[in-house]
Structures are given as C-alpha cells and as structure tokens.
C-alpha atoms as a PDB file:
ATOM      1  CA  MET A   1       0.000   0.000   0.000  1.00  0.00           C
ATOM      2  CA  THR A   2       2.829   2.420   0.817  1.00  0.00           C
ATOM      3  CA  LYS A   3       4.520   1.701  -2.509  1.00  0.00           C
ATOM      4  CA  MET A   4       1.324   2.646  -4.307  1.00  0.00           C
ATOM      5  CA  PHE A   5       1.104   5.830  -2.274  1.00  0.00           C
ATOM      6  CA  GLU A   6       4.748   6.700  -3.076  1.00  0.00           C
ATOM      7  CA  LEU A   7       4.184   6.077  -6.782  1.00  0.00           C
ATOM      8  CA  LEU A   8       1.038   8.190  -6.779  1.00  0.00           C
ATOM      9  CA  THR A   9       2.846  10.971  -4.923  1.00  0.00           C
ATOM     10  CA  LYS A  10       5.720  10.946  -7.422  1.00  0.00           C
ATOM     11  CA  LEU A  11       3.310  11.131 -10.344  1.00  0.00           C
ATOM     12  CA  LEU A  12       1.233  13.947  -8.910  1.00  0.00           C
ATOM     13  CA  TYR A  13       3.968  16.097  -7.404  1.00  0.00           C
ATOM     14  CA  ARG A  14       6.645  16.213 -10.072  1.00  0.00           C
ATOM     15  CA  PRO A  15       8.825  19.321 -10.190  1.00  0.00           C
ATOM     16  CA  HIS A  16       7.821  21.749 -12.905  1.00  0.00           C
ATOM     17  CA  THR A  17      10.199  21.902 -15.851  1.00  0.00           C
ATOM     18  CA  SER A  18       9.844  24.818 -18.209  1.00  0.00           C
ATOM     19  CA  ILE A  19      10.215  24.471 -21.944  1.00  0.00           C
ATOM     20  CA  MET A  20      12.819  26.743 -23.478  1.00  0.00           C
ATOM     21  CA  LEU A  21      11.224  28.854 -26.189  1.00  0.00           C
ATOM     22  CA  GLY A  22      14.320  29.839 -28.146  1.00  0.00           C
ATOM     23  CA  ARG A  23      14.327  33.481 -29.083  1.00  0.00           C
ATOM     24  CA  TRP A  24      10.745  33.900 -27.847  1.00  0.00           C
ATOM     25  CA  GLY A  25      11.605  32.867 -24.287  1.00  0.00           C
ATOM     26  CA  PRO A  26      11.739  35.364 -21.414  1.00  0.00           C
ATOM     27  CA  LYS A  27      14.855  37.538 -21.261  1.00  0.00           C
ATOM     28  CA  PRO A  28      15.970  40.278 -18.902  1.00  0.00           C
ATOM     29  CA  PRO A  29      14.849  43.680 -20.217  1.00  0.00           C
ATOM     30  CA  HIS A  30      17.481  45.740 -22.065  1.00  0.00           C
ATOM     31  CA  SER A  31      19.857  42.785 -22.270  1.00  0.00           C
ATOM     32  CA  SER A  32      21.958  41.987 -25.311  1.00  0.00           C
ATOM     33  CA  LYS A  33      19.964  38.750 -25.756  1.00  0.00           C
ATOM     34  CA  GLU A  34      16.745  40.753 -25.940  1.00  0.00           C
ATOM     35  CA  VAL A  35      18.240  43.201 -28.463  1.00  0.00           C
ATOM     36  CA  ILE A  36      19.481  40.359 -30.666  1.00  0.00           C
ATOM     37  CA  SER A  37      16.155  38.537 -30.466  1.00  0.00           C
ATOM     38  CA  VAL A  38      14.093  41.611 -31.342  1.00  0.00           C
ATOM     39  CA  PHE A  39      16.458  42.616 -34.153  1.00  0.00           C
ATOM     40  CA  TRP A  40      16.308  39.229 -35.893  1.00  0.00           C
ATOM     41  CA  ALA A  41      12.538  38.933 -35.382  1.00  0.00           C
ATOM     42  CA  ASN A  42      12.064  42.325 -37.038  1.00  0.00           C
ATOM     43  CA  SER A  43      14.443  41.358 -39.820  1.00  0.00           C
ATOM     44  CA  ASP A  44      12.550  38.089 -40.403  1.00  0.00           C
ATOM     45  CA  HIS A  45       9.254  39.923 -40.764  1.00  0.00           C
ATOM     46  CA  CYS A  46      10.477  42.926 -42.762  1.00  0.00           C
ATOM     47  CA  GLY A  47      10.003  41.479 -46.248  1.00  0.00           C
ATOM     48  CA  GLY A  48      12.074  44.197 -47.917  1.00  0.00           C
ATOM     49  CA  LEU A  49      15.173  43.603 -50.006  1.00  0.00           C
ATOM     50  CA  GLU A  50      17.402  45.310 -47.430  1.00  0.00           C
ATOM     51  CA  CYS A  51      16.311  42.770 -44.801  1.00  0.00           C
ATOM     52  CA  MET A  52      17.384  39.818 -46.921  1.00  0.00           C
ATOM     53  CA  ASP A  53      21.071  40.736 -46.771  1.00  0.00           C
ATOM     54  CA  GLY A  54      22.297  38.758 -43.750  1.00  0.00           C
ATOM     55  CA  GLN A  55      25.782  40.299 -43.664  1.00  0.00           C
ATOM     56  CA  ARG A  56      24.373  43.837 -43.715  1.00  0.00           C
ATOM     57  CA  ASN A  57      22.017  42.946 -40.870  1.00  0.00           C
ATOM     58  CA  LYS A  58      24.871  41.461 -38.857  1.00  0.00           C
ATOM     59  CA  ASP A  59      26.927  44.619 -39.468  1.00  0.00           C
ATOM     60  CA  LEU A  60      24.018  46.687 -38.123  1.00  0.00           C
ATOM     61  CA  LEU A  61      23.473  44.415 -35.122  1.00  0.00           C
ATOM     62  CA  ASP A  62      27.074  44.178 -33.864  1.00  0.00           C
ATOM     63  CA  PRO A  63      27.409  47.866 -32.843  1.00  0.00           C
ATOM     64  CA  MET A  64      24.040  47.749 -31.059  1.00  0.00           C
ATOM     65  CA  VAL A  65      25.102  44.710 -29.012  1.00  0.00           C
ATOM     66  CA  GLN A  66      28.477  46.284 -28.200  1.00  0.00           C
ATOM     67  CA  ASN A  67      26.713  49.453 -27.032  1.00  0.00           C
ATOM     68  CA  ILE A  68      24.430  47.444 -24.720  1.00  0.00           C
ATOM     69  CA  LYS A  69      27.412  45.561 -23.282  1.00  0.00           C
ATOM     70  CA  ARG A  70      29.311  48.831 -22.765  1.00  0.00           C
ATOM     71  CA  GLN A  71      26.334  50.323 -20.910  1.00  0.00           C
ATOM     72  CA  TYR A  72      26.070  47.201 -18.747  1.00  0.00           C
ATOM     73  CA  ASP A  73      29.790  47.304 -17.922  1.00  0.00           C
ATOM     74  CA  SER A  74      29.659  51.005 -17.006  1.00  0.00           C
ATOM     75  CA  ARG A  75      26.630  50.408 -14.758  1.00  0.00           C
ATOM     76  CA  LYS A  76      28.404  47.501 -13.093  1.00  0.00           C
ATOM     77  CA  THR A  77      31.538  49.589 -12.355  1.00  0.00           C
ATOM     78  CA  ASP A  78      29.346  52.418 -10.992  1.00  0.00           C
ATOM     79  CA  GLU A  79      27.735  49.973  -8.569  1.00  0.00           C
ATOM     80  CA  ASP A  80      31.123  48.598  -7.504  1.00  0.00           C
ATOM     81  CA  ALA A  81      32.578  52.055  -6.810  1.00  0.00           C
ATOM     82  CA  PRO A  82      32.717  53.011  -3.105  1.00  0.00           C
ATOM     83  CA  GLY A  83      29.824  55.185  -1.988  1.00  0.00           C
ATOM     84  CA  ARG A  84      27.752  54.334  -5.070  1.00  0.00           C
ATOM     85  CA  GLY A  85      24.992  51.745  -4.857  1.00  0.00           C
ATOM     86  CA  GLY A  86      26.439  48.694  -3.178  1.00  0.00           C
ATOM     87  CA  ARG A  87      25.777  47.913   0.487  1.00  0.00           C
END
C-alpha cells in the first residue's frame, strides 16, 4: 500500500520543468539577448530587399550589441565604486 502511495505521490507532485522557447523565451529587459532577439525577429518579418542581406544585418546588429554591453559594464563599475549603490 505504501509503494502505491509513493508512486502516486511521485506522479502527482513532479517538479515543474519549463520548456525553453528559443528566441521567444523570457529575457531580462534591455539585455543583449533581448536586443538580438528583437532585431532578428524584425528582420525576419520585414520582407524588404534590405532585410534579406544577412551580412548587412549582422553589421548593423554588432554595434548595437556592443553598445548594450558597454552600458552594462559602465553600470556595473558604478555599482562597484565606493559610496555608489552597493551595500
């Protein structure tokens, strides 16, 4: 009887596992992953000739990602500085 109860408990109370949604999954706001995801989604749905050039799109995307990373790094150093943010 206890084995049946254990089996039933395992079946009913399994830990929740989330399914990864690729580029549509949740991302932190204003992160480089979000910028990349939005950029390529817009490029996929553009339909114009300029959107079909993958190398041109990559050349446009790289500076945007670098800018986001630079902003993140500067925010992180501001928080680490004494008397600014931190504990």
